[in-house]
């Protein structure tokens, strides 16, 4: 399938503020190390999205889009910065999709905590949106690390208990209920729990993280 280059790609990320990111890792590695790791994950994800070259890349910032780390990312990767809207994750993603689809035929949202996502994953998801209403890359914890759409629906994120192991199943149910056809890519893993840290050395290239 030919690679699409007209897909708006958005990375959702918080600023790497100690004590406010990767909180489930803090008991194992401490708040400062968790924030440093979060920063590395954001940078790695942005590199993948830029290298995928499927369209414009945007960093959708949580809380403060003027944080020095975000400004540095804008300079380093040549991306744009926006601030996430208020609301739960579904409301924020719906708002981002609505805005992106005003000027692009398709859009992707990627989470910042999946170092296993590949350039090929992003390109495949973008290409599949030419023939599907949506695309997902599942996570092995029951969520997903990428979602793409070529349109939105007012009920697309209803009744999803964000942050739980039921997210993927609930999203599939939502898609079925609104009559959408969707593509699912290879299941990937993200970094949320202390047991995920050992996987960092398995990456190509690895994340050289010391704690």
Foldseek 3Di string as FASTA:
>chain_A
DDFAQQAEEEEEAEQLDFPPALVQCCVPPHRNLRSVVLLVLQLLVLVLVLVLNNYAYEYAYEPDCPPPSNVVSCVVRVHYYHYFDDDDPVVRVLVVQVVSLVRTQKYKYFYSFFNQDHSVNVRVQNVCQVPWQKEFEAEPQQATGMIMGRDDDPQQQPPADPPHNPRVVVNVVSCVVVVTGYYYDYYGHGDNHPVCVVCQVVDVPHDPRDD
